Amino acid sequence: MSSSNRLRYALASEATHQAEDKKQVEKYINVPTDVFLDCIKDMPKHHQDICIRRGRIRTYYKPFFTANPNGMGKTYNMGIVHICEVKND
């Protein structure tokens, strides 16, 4: 698993933990530009361009597991996580 893939996984996990409604299909997390660019660096150039143009990454189309804090196991999640870029001004 690449470092970008691990970062996307960690952010999806964090978005799930932050979500008020854990059962909602779509969850969002805002990240600074440098983190956003780290998330896409393992993608093909074409996909990077699309993500940059949209300002977000749509990931996890299938059910997935996220690690719980403090080593409390894993949680099964369904749905989509959007990693959204927040421009550094």
PDB file of N, CA and C in Angstrom:
ATOM      1  N   MET A   1       0.860  -1.172   0.000  1.00  0.00           N
ATOM      2  CA  MET A   1       0.000   0.000   0.000  1.00  0.00           C
ATOM      3  C   MET A   1       0.906   1.235   0.000  1.00  0.00           C
ATOM      4  N   SER A   2       0.657   2.144  -0.918  1.00  0.00           N
ATOM      5  CA  SER A   2       1.478   3.356  -1.029  1.00  0.00           C
ATOM      6  C   SER A   2       1.185   4.317   0.120  1.00  0.00           C
ATOM      7  N   SER A   3       2.088   5.269   0.315  1.00  0.00           N
ATOM      8  CA  SER A   3       1.886   6.255   1.385  1.00  0.00           C
ATOM      9  C   SER A   3       0.638   7.100   1.108  1.00  0.00           C
ATOM     10  N   SER A   4       0.362   7.388  -0.167  1.00  0.00           N
ATOM     11  CA  SER A   4      -0.843   8.158  -0.511  1.00  0.00           C
ATOM     12  C   SER A   4      -2.095   7.359  -0.192  1.00  0.00           C
ATOM     13  N   ASN A   5      -2.048   6.073  -0.482  1.00  0.00           N
ATOM     14  CA  ASN A   5      -3.191   5.210  -0.197  1.00  0.00           C
ATOM     15  C   ASN A   5      -3.424   5.110   1.308  1.00  0.00           C
ATOM     16  N   ARG A   6      -2.352   4.993   2.074  1.00  0.00           N
ATOM     17  CA  ARG A   6      -2.474   4.961   3.538  1.00  0.00           C
ATOM     18  C   ARG A   6      -3.043   6.283   4.068  1.00  0.00           C
ATOM     19  N   LEU A   7      -2.618   7.387   3.465  1.00  0.00           N
ATOM     20  CA  LEU A   7      -3.122   8.694   3.885  1.00  0.00           C
ATOM     21  C   LEU A   7      -4.616   8.813   3.580  1.00  0.00           C
ATOM     22  N   ARG A   8      -5.030   8.389   2.399  1.00  0.00           N
ATOM     23  CA  ARG A   8      -6.465   8.419   2.058  1.00  0.00           C
ATOM     24  C   ARG A   8      -7.261   7.563   3.037  1.00  0.00           C
ATOM     25  N   TYR A   9      -6.721   6.391   3.384  1.00  0.00           N
ATOM     26  CA  TYR A   9      -7.386   5.502   4.335  1.00  0.00           C
ATOM     27  C   TYR A   9      -7.516   6.179   5.697  1.00  0.00           C
ATOM     28  N   ALA A  10      -6.430   6.793   6.159  1.00  0.00           N
ATOM     29  CA  ALA A  10      -6.449   7.468   7.466  1.00  0.00           C
ATOM     30  C   ALA A  10      -7.452   8.616   7.471  1.00  0.00           C
ATOM     31  N   LEU A  11      -7.514   9.375   6.375  1.00  0.00           N
ATOM     32  CA  LEU A  11      -8.461  10.493   6.292  1.00  0.00           C
ATOM     33  C   LEU A  11      -9.896   9.995   6.218  1.00  0.00           C
ATOM     34  N   ALA A  12     -10.121   8.881   5.531  1.00  0.00           N
ATOM     35  CA  ALA A  12     -11.465   8.292   5.484  1.00  0.00           C
ATOM     36  C   ALA A  12     -11.884   7.844   6.876  1.00  0.00           C
ATOM     37  N   SER A  13     -10.943   7.277   7.602  1.00  0.00           N
ATOM     38  CA  SER A  13     -11.221   6.862   8.972  1.00  0.00           C
ATOM     39  C   SER A  13     -11.586   8.070   9.829  1.00  0.00           C
ATOM     40  N   GLU A  14     -10.799   9.139   9.707  1.00  0.00           N
ATOM     41  CA  GLU A  14     -11.060  10.358  10.478  1.00  0.00           C
ATOM     42  C   GLU A  14     -12.405  10.979  10.090  1.00  0.00           C
ATOM     43  N   ALA A  15     -12.732  10.995   8.801  1.00  0.00           N
ATOM     44  CA  ALA A  15     -14.024  11.542   8.351  1.00  0.00           C
ATOM     45  C   ALA A  15     -15.171  10.748   8.952  1.00  0.00           C
ATOM     46  N   THR A  16     -14.991   9.443   9.046  1.00  0.00           N
ATOM     47  CA  THR A  16     -16.025   8.587   9.627  1.00  0.00           C
ATOM     48  C   THR A  16     -16.183   8.888  11.114  1.00  0.00           C
ATOM     49  N   HIS A  17     -15.082   9.060  11.819  1.00  0.00           N
ATOM     50  CA  HIS A  17     -15.154   9.351  13.249  1.00  0.00           C
ATOM     51  C   HIS A  17     -15.761  10.730  13.514  1.00  0.00           C
ATOM     52  N   GLN A  18     -15.525  11.693  12.616  1.00  0.00           N
ATOM     53  CA  GLN A  18     -16.038  13.055  12.795  1.00  0.00           C
ATOM     54  C   GLN A  18     -17.508  13.188  12.419  1.00  0.00           C
ATOM     55  N   ALA A  19     -18.015  12.279  11.600  1.00  0.00           N
ATOM     56  CA  ALA A  19     -19.385  12.396  11.092  1.00  0.00           C
ATOM     57  C   ALA A  19     -20.396  12.307  12.234  1.00  0.00           C
ATOM     58  N   GLU A  20     -21.339  13.236  12.243  1.00  0.00           N
ATOM     59  CA  GLU A  20     -22.385  13.202  13.263  1.00  0.00           C
ATOM     60  C   GLU A  20     -23.279  11.985  13.067  1.00  0.00           C
ATOM     61  N   ASP A  21     -23.617  11.703  11.816  1.00  0.00           N
ATOM     62  CA  ASP A  21     -24.441  10.542  11.489  1.00  0.00           C
ATOM     63  C   ASP A  21     -23.542   9.500  10.833  1.00  0.00           C
ATOM     64  N   LYS A  22     -23.153   8.492  11.591  1.00  0.00           N
ATOM     65  CA  LYS A  22     -22.222   7.475  11.092  1.00  0.00           C
ATOM     66  C   LYS A  22     -22.813   6.660   9.945  1.00  0.00           C
ATOM     67  N   LYS A  23     -24.145   6.651   9.822  1.00  0.00           N
ATOM     68  CA  LYS A  23     -24.789   5.846   8.779  1.00  0.00           C
ATOM     69  C   LYS A  23     -25.019   6.606   7.481  1.00  0.00           C
ATOM     70  N   GLN A  24     -24.711   7.909   7.467  1.00  0.00           N
ATOM     71  CA  GLN A  24     -24.898   8.660   6.223  1.00  0.00           C
ATOM     72  C   GLN A  24     -24.002   8.069   5.136  1.00  0.00           C
ATOM     73  N   VAL A  25     -24.476   8.059   3.916  1.00  0.00           N
ATOM     74  CA  VAL A  25     -23.751   7.416   2.826  1.00  0.00           C
ATOM     75  C   VAL A  25     -22.499   8.190   2.466  1.00  0.00           C
ATOM     76  N   GLU A  26     -22.573   9.511   2.438  1.00  0.00           N
ATOM     77  CA  GLU A  26     -21.415  10.327   2.057  1.00  0.00           C
ATOM     78  C   GLU A  26     -20.891  11.089   3.270  1.00  0.00           C
ATOM     79  N   LYS A  27     -19.579  11.026   3.431  1.00  0.00           N
ATOM     80  CA  LYS A  27     -18.914  11.749   4.512  1.00  0.00           C
ATOM     81  C   LYS A  27     -17.854  12.651   3.896  1.00  0.00           C
ATOM     82  N   TYR A  28     -17.520  13.731   4.582  1.00  0.00           N
ATOM     83  CA  TYR A  28     -16.580  14.724   4.058  1.00  0.00           C
ATOM     84  C   TYR A  28     -15.517  15.041   5.097  1.00  0.00           C
ATOM     85  N   ILE A  29     -14.319  15.334   4.610  1.00  0.00           N
ATOM     86  CA  ILE A  29     -13.263  15.835   5.475  1.00  0.00           C
ATOM     87  C   ILE A  29     -12.498  16.901   4.699  1.00  0.00           C
ATOM     88  N   ASN A  30     -12.230  18.018   5.344  1.00  0.00           N
ATOM     89  CA  ASN A  30     -11.473  19.110   4.721  1.00  0.00           C
ATOM     90  C   ASN A  30     -10.012  19.017   5.135  1.00  0.00           C
ATOM     91  N   VAL A  31      -9.127  19.153   4.146  1.00  0.00           N
ATOM     92  CA  VAL A  31      -7.688  19.077   4.410  1.00  0.00           C
ATOM     93  C   VAL A  31      -6.981  20.237   3.713  1.00  0.00           C
ATOM     94  N   PRO A  32      -5.810  20.658   4.232  1.00  0.00           N
ATOM     95  CA  PRO A  32      -5.039  21.711   3.560  1.00  0.00           C
ATOM     96  C   PRO A  32      -4.490  21.214   2.218  1.00  0.00           C
ATOM     97  N   THR A  33      -4.114  22.142   1.381  1.00  0.00           N
ATOM     98  CA  THR A  33      -3.631  21.828   0.031  1.00  0.00           C
ATOM     99  C   THR A  33      -2.476  20.839   0.031  1.00  0.00           C
ATOM    100  N   ASP A  34      -1.500  21.012   0.925  1.00  0.00           N
ATOM    101  CA  ASP A  34      -0.344  20.111   0.913  1.00  0.00           C
ATOM    102  C   ASP A  34      -0.736  18.669   1.233  1.00  0.00           C
ATOM    103  N   VAL A  35      -1.675  18.472   2.142  1.00  0.00           N
ATOM    104  CA  VAL A  35      -2.159  17.124   2.459  1.00  0.00           C
ATOM    105  C   VAL A  35      -2.934  16.569   1.268  1.00  0.00           C
ATOM    106  N   PHE A  36      -3.763  17.410   0.651  1.00  0.00           N
ATOM    107  CA  PHE A  36      -4.533  17.005  -0.525  1.00  0.00           C
ATOM    108  C   PHE A  36      -3.597  16.514  -1.629  1.00  0.00           C
ATOM    109  N   LEU A  37      -2.529  17.262  -1.891  1.00  0.00           N
ATOM    110  CA  LEU A  37      -1.579  16.875  -2.937  1.00  0.00           C
ATOM    111  C   LEU A  37      -0.852  15.580  -2.583  1.00  0.00           C
ATOM    112  N   ASP A  38      -0.579  15.360  -1.303  1.00  0.00           N
ATOM    113  CA  ASP A  38       0.024  14.096  -0.875  1.00  0.00           C
ATOM    114  C   ASP A  38      -0.920  12.921  -1.127  1.00  0.00           C
ATOM    115  N   CYS A  39      -2.220  13.162  -1.037  1.00  0.00           N
ATOM    116  CA  CYS A  39      -3.212  12.109  -1.248  1.00  0.00           C
ATOM    117  C   CYS A  39      -3.269  11.639  -2.699  1.00  0.00           C
ATOM    118  N   ILE A  40      -2.911  12.517  -3.624  1.00  0.00           N
ATOM    119  CA  ILE A  40      -3.078  12.169  -5.042  1.00  0.00           C
ATOM    120  C   ILE A  40      -1.769  11.867  -5.763  1.00  0.00           C
ATOM    121  N   LYS A  41      -0.646  11.932  -5.073  1.00  0.00           N
ATOM    122  CA  LYS A  41       0.635  11.810  -5.773  1.00  0.00           C
ATOM    123  C   LYS A  41       0.884  10.433  -6.371  1.00  0.00           C
ATOM    124  N   ASP A  42       0.183   9.385  -5.934  1.00  0.00           N
ATOM    125  CA  ASP A  42       0.357   8.059  -6.519  1.00  0.00           C
ATOM    126  C   ASP A  42      -0.628   7.779  -7.655  1.00  0.00           C
ATOM    127  N   MET A  43      -1.488   8.726  -7.957  1.00  0.00           N
ATOM    128  CA  MET A  43      -2.485   8.551  -9.021  1.00  0.00           C
ATOM    129  C   MET A  43      -1.882   8.899 -10.381  1.00  0.00           C
ATOM    130  N   PRO A  44      -2.453   8.337 -11.451  1.00  0.00           N
ATOM    131  CA  PRO A  44      -2.015   8.747 -12.786  1.00  0.00           C
ATOM    132  C   PRO A  44      -2.262  10.246 -12.997  1.00  0.00           C
ATOM    133  N   LYS A  45      -1.464  10.859 -13.833  1.00  0.00           N
ATOM    134  CA  LYS A  45      -1.532  12.309 -14.077  1.00  0.00           C
ATOM    135  C   LYS A  45      -2.949  12.767 -14.423  1.00  0.00           C
ATOM    136  N   HIS A  46      -3.630  12.006 -15.258  1.00  0.00           N
ATOM    137  CA  HIS A  46      -4.994  12.352 -15.670  1.00  0.00           C
ATOM    138  C   HIS A  46      -5.924  12.447 -14.446  1.00  0.00           C
ATOM    139  N   HIS A  47      -5.815  11.489 -13.539  1.00  0.00           N
ATOM    140  CA  HIS A  47      -6.655  11.497 -12.344  1.00  0.00           C
ATOM    141  C   HIS A  47      -6.257  12.623 -11.406  1.00  0.00           C
ATOM    142  N   GLN A  48      -4.961  12.902 -11.307  1.00  0.00           N
ATOM    143  CA  GLN A  48      -4.504  14.032 -10.489  1.00  0.00           C
ATOM    144  C   GLN A  48      -5.120  15.331 -10.993  1.00  0.00           C
ATOM    145  N   ASP A  49      -5.089  15.515 -12.314  1.00  0.00           N
ATOM    146  CA  ASP A  49      -5.642  16.739 -12.905  1.00  0.00           C
ATOM    147  C   ASP A  49      -7.129  16.891 -12.585  1.00  0.00           C
ATOM    148  N   ILE A  50      -7.871  15.800 -12.669  1.00  0.00           N
ATOM    149  CA  ILE A  50      -9.309  15.841 -12.374  1.00  0.00           C
ATOM    150  C   ILE A  50      -9.536  16.196 -10.906  1.00  0.00           C
ATOM    151  N   CYS A  51      -8.787  15.556 -10.000  1.00  0.00           N
ATOM    152  CA  CYS A  51      -8.939  15.841  -8.566  1.00  0.00           C
ATOM    153  C   CYS A  51      -8.605  17.294  -8.253  1.00  0.00           C
ATOM    154  N   ILE A  52      -7.533  17.798  -8.848  1.00  0.00           N
ATOM    155  CA  ILE A  52      -7.140  19.192  -8.615  1.00  0.00           C
ATOM    156  C   ILE A  52      -8.212  20.144  -9.143  1.00  0.00           C
ATOM    157  N   ARG A  53      -8.735  19.864 -10.320  1.00  0.00           N
ATOM    158  CA  ARG A  53      -9.776  20.709 -10.903  1.00  0.00           C
ATOM    159  C   ARG A  53     -11.033  20.712 -10.022  1.00  0.00           C
ATOM    160  N   ARG A  54     -11.418  19.556  -9.505  1.00  0.00           N
ATOM    161  CA  ARG A  54     -12.613  19.455  -8.652  1.00  0.00           C
ATOM    162  C   ARG A  54     -12.359  19.964  -7.236  1.00  0.00           C
ATOM    163  N   GLY A  55     -11.109  19.854  -6.778  1.00  0.00           N
ATOM    164  CA  GLY A  55     -10.786  20.245  -5.408  1.00  0.00           C
ATOM    165  C   GLY A  55     -11.198  19.210  -4.383  1.00  0.00           C
ATOM    166  N   ARG A  56     -11.417  17.982  -4.835  1.00  0.00           N
ATOM    167  CA  ARG A  56     -11.795  16.916  -3.913  1.00  0.00           C
ATOM    168  C   ARG A  56     -11.449  15.560  -4.509  1.00  0.00           C
ATOM    169  N   ILE A  57     -11.336  14.591  -3.628  1.00  0.00           N
ATOM    170  CA  ILE A  57     -11.115  13.208  -4.025  1.00  0.00           C
ATOM    171  C   ILE A  57     -12.322  12.426  -3.545  1.00  0.00           C
ATOM    172  N   ARG A  58     -12.890  11.662  -4.425  1.00  0.00           N
ATOM    173  CA  ARG A  58     -13.998  10.785  -4.042  1.00  0.00           C
ATOM    174  C   ARG A  58     -13.407   9.385  -3.937  1.00  0.00           C
ATOM    175  N   THR A  59     -13.512   8.791  -2.781  1.00  0.00           N
ATOM    176  CA  THR A  59     -12.862   7.511  -2.555  1.00  0.00           C
ATOM    177  C   THR A  59     -13.789   6.550  -1.815  1.00  0.00           C
ATOM    178  N   TYR A  60     -13.409   5.302  -1.776  1.00  0.00           N
ATOM    179  CA  TYR A  60     -14.145   4.232  -1.098  1.00  0.00           C
ATOM    180  C   TYR A  60     -15.558   4.070  -1.648  1.00  0.00           C
ATOM    181  N   TYR A  61     -15.666   3.521  -2.840  1.00  0.00           N
ATOM    182  CA  TYR A  61     -16.957   3.267  -3.469  1.00  0.00           C
ATOM    183  C   TYR A  61     -17.604   2.009  -2.904  1.00  0.00           C
ATOM    184  N   LYS A  62     -16.794   1.146  -2.304  1.00  0.00           N
ATOM    185  CA  LYS A  62     -17.285  -0.113  -1.742  1.00  0.00           C
ATOM    186  C   LYS A  62     -17.230  -0.019  -0.223  1.00  0.00           C
ATOM    187  N   PRO A  63     -17.908  -0.937   0.473  1.00  0.00           N
ATOM    188  CA  PRO A  63     -17.772  -0.953   1.941  1.00  0.00           C
ATOM    189  C   PRO A  63     -16.308  -1.104   2.343  1.00  0.00           C
ATOM    190  N   PHE A  64     -15.937  -0.516   3.476  1.00  0.00           N
ATOM    191  CA  PHE A  64     -14.554  -0.558   3.924  1.00  0.00           C
ATOM    192  C   PHE A  64     -14.505  -0.527   5.442  1.00  0.00           C
ATOM    193  N   PHE A  65     -13.373  -0.915   5.989  1.00  0.00           N
ATOM    194  CA  PHE A  65     -13.149  -0.888   7.431  1.00  0.00           C
ATOM    195  C   PHE A  65     -12.294   0.309   7.796  1.00  0.00           C
ATOM    196  N   THR A  66     -12.548   0.904   8.953  1.00  0.00           N
ATOM    197  CA  THR A  66     -11.682   1.952   9.479  1.00  0.00           C
ATOM    198  C   THR A  66     -11.247   1.552  10.884  1.00  0.00           C
ATOM    199  N   ALA A  67     -10.027   1.930  11.223  1.00  0.00           N
ATOM    200  CA  ALA A  67      -9.487   1.624  12.546  1.00  0.00           C
ATOM    201  C   ALA A  67     -10.114   2.555  13.578  1.00  0.00           C
ATOM    202  N   ASN A  68     -10.481   2.009  14.715  1.00  0.00           N
ATOM    203  CA  ASN A  68     -11.027   2.812  15.805  1.00  0.00           C
ATOM    204  C   ASN A  68      -9.885   3.394  16.634  1.00  0.00           C
ATOM    205  N   PRO A  69     -10.118   4.536  17.273  1.00  0.00           N
ATOM    206  CA  PRO A  69      -9.063   5.132  18.093  1.00  0.00           C
ATOM    207  C   PRO A  69      -8.703   4.244  19.282  1.00  0.00           C
ATOM    208  N   ASN A  70      -7.500   4.422  19.784  1.00  0.00           N
ATOM    209  CA  ASN A  70      -7.016   3.725  20.984  1.00  0.00           C
ATOM    210  C   ASN A  70      -6.998   2.207  20.833  1.00  0.00           C
ATOM    211  N   GLY A  71      -6.793   1.714  19.593  1.00  0.00           N
ATOM    212  CA  GLY A  71      -6.676   0.281  19.376  1.00  0.00           C
ATOM    213  C   GLY A  71      -7.945  -0.498  19.668  1.00  0.00           C
ATOM    214  N   MET A  72      -9.095   0.125  19.490  1.00  0.00           N
ATOM    215  CA  MET A  72     -10.370  -0.514  19.804  1.00  0.00           C
ATOM    216  C   MET A  72     -10.959  -1.282  18.626  1.00  0.00           C
ATOM    217  N   GLY A  73     -10.114  -1.852  17.770  1.00  0.00           N
ATOM    218  CA  GLY A  73     -10.605  -2.671  16.669  1.00  0.00           C
ATOM    219  C   GLY A  73     -10.944  -1.866  15.437  1.00  0.00           C
ATOM    220  N   LYS A  74     -11.812  -2.441  14.602  1.00  0.00           N
ATOM    221  CA  LYS A  74     -12.196  -1.808  13.341  1.00  0.00           C
ATOM    222  C   LYS A  74     -13.708  -1.684  13.247  1.00  0.00           C
ATOM    223  N   THR A  75     -14.147  -0.711  12.446  1.00  0.00           N
ATOM    224  CA  THR A  75     -15.569  -0.504  12.192  1.00  0.00           C
ATOM    225  C   THR A  75     -15.832  -0.677  10.705  1.00  0.00           C
ATOM    226  N   TYR A  76     -16.892  -1.410  10.383  1.00  0.00           N
ATOM    227  CA  TYR A  76     -17.311  -1.618   9.001  1.00  0.00           C
ATOM    228  C   TYR A  76     -18.109  -0.397   8.554  1.00  0.00           C
ATOM    229  N   ASN A  77     -17.737   0.181   7.427  1.00  0.00           N
ATOM    230  CA  ASN A  77     -18.402   1.378   6.915  1.00  0.00           C
ATOM    231  C   ASN A  77     -18.860   1.152   5.485  1.00  0.00           C
ATOM    232  N   MET A  78     -19.956   1.792   5.142  1.00  0.00           N
ATOM    233  CA  MET A  78     -20.426   1.757   3.757  1.00  0.00           C
ATOM    234  C   MET A  78     -20.500   3.185   3.262  1.00  0.00           C
ATOM    235  N   GLY A  79     -20.320   3.350   1.973  1.00  0.00           N
ATOM    236  CA  GLY A  79     -20.519   4.658   1.386  1.00  0.00           C
ATOM    237  C   GLY A  79     -19.265   5.261   0.804  1.00  0.00           C
ATOM    238  N   ILE A  80     -19.281   6.564   0.672  1.00  0.00           N
ATOM    239  CA  ILE A  80     -18.260   7.316  -0.038  1.00  0.00           C
ATOM    240  C   ILE A  80     -17.686   8.365   0.898  1.00  0.00           C
ATOM    241  N   VAL A  81     -16.381   8.557   0.817  1.00  0.00           N
ATOM    242  CA  VAL A  81     -15.723   9.618   1.580  1.00  0.00           C
ATOM    243  C   VAL A  81     -15.155  10.624   0.586  1.00  0.00           C
ATOM    244  N   HIS A  82     -15.445  11.901   0.801  1.00  0.00           N
ATOM    245  CA  HIS A  82     -14.895  12.975  -0.011  1.00  0.00           C
ATOM    246  C   HIS A  82     -13.800  13.657   0.791  1.00  0.00           C
ATOM    247  N   ILE A  83     -12.589  13.667   0.240  1.00  0.00           N
ATOM    248  CA  ILE A  83     -11.482  14.404   0.842  1.00  0.00           C
ATOM    249  C   ILE A  83     -11.414  15.725   0.087  1.00  0.00           C
ATOM    250  N   CYS A  84     -11.764  16.810   0.747  1.00  0.00           N
ATOM    251  CA  CYS A  84     -11.911  18.116   0.093  1.00  0.00           C
ATOM    252  C   CYS A  84     -10.719  19.020   0.421  1.00  0.00           C
ATOM    253  N   GLU A  85     -10.223  19.675  -0.608  1.00  0.00           N
ATOM    254  CA  GLU A  85      -9.097  20.597  -0.454  1.00  0.00           C
ATOM    255  C   GLU A  85      -9.575  21.934   0.089  1.00  0.00           C
ATOM    256  N   VAL A  86      -8.876  22.444   1.088  1.00  0.00           N
ATOM    257  CA  VAL A  86      -9.102  23.796   1.583  1.00  0.00           C
ATOM    258  C   VAL A  86      -7.892  24.600   1.171  1.00  0.00           C
ATOM    259  N   LYS A  87      -8.082  25.568   0.306  1.00  0.00           N
ATOM    260  CA  LYS A  87      -6.969  26.365  -0.220  1.00  0.00           C
ATOM    261  C   LYS A  87      -6.272  27.117   0.898  1.00  0.00           C
ATOM    262  N   ASN A  88      -4.947  27.073   0.867  1.00  0.00           N
ATOM    263  CA  ASN A  88      -4.145  27.861   1.815  1.00  0.00           C
ATOM    264  C   ASN A  88      -4.079  29.294   1.316  1.00  0.00           C
ATOM    265  N   ASP A  89      -4.697  30.200   2.042  1.00  0.00           N
ATOM    266  CA  ASP A  89      -4.683  31.606   1.621  1.00  0.00           C
ATOM    267  C   ASP A  89      -3.650  32.402   2.343  1.00  0.00           C
TER     268      ASP A  89
END
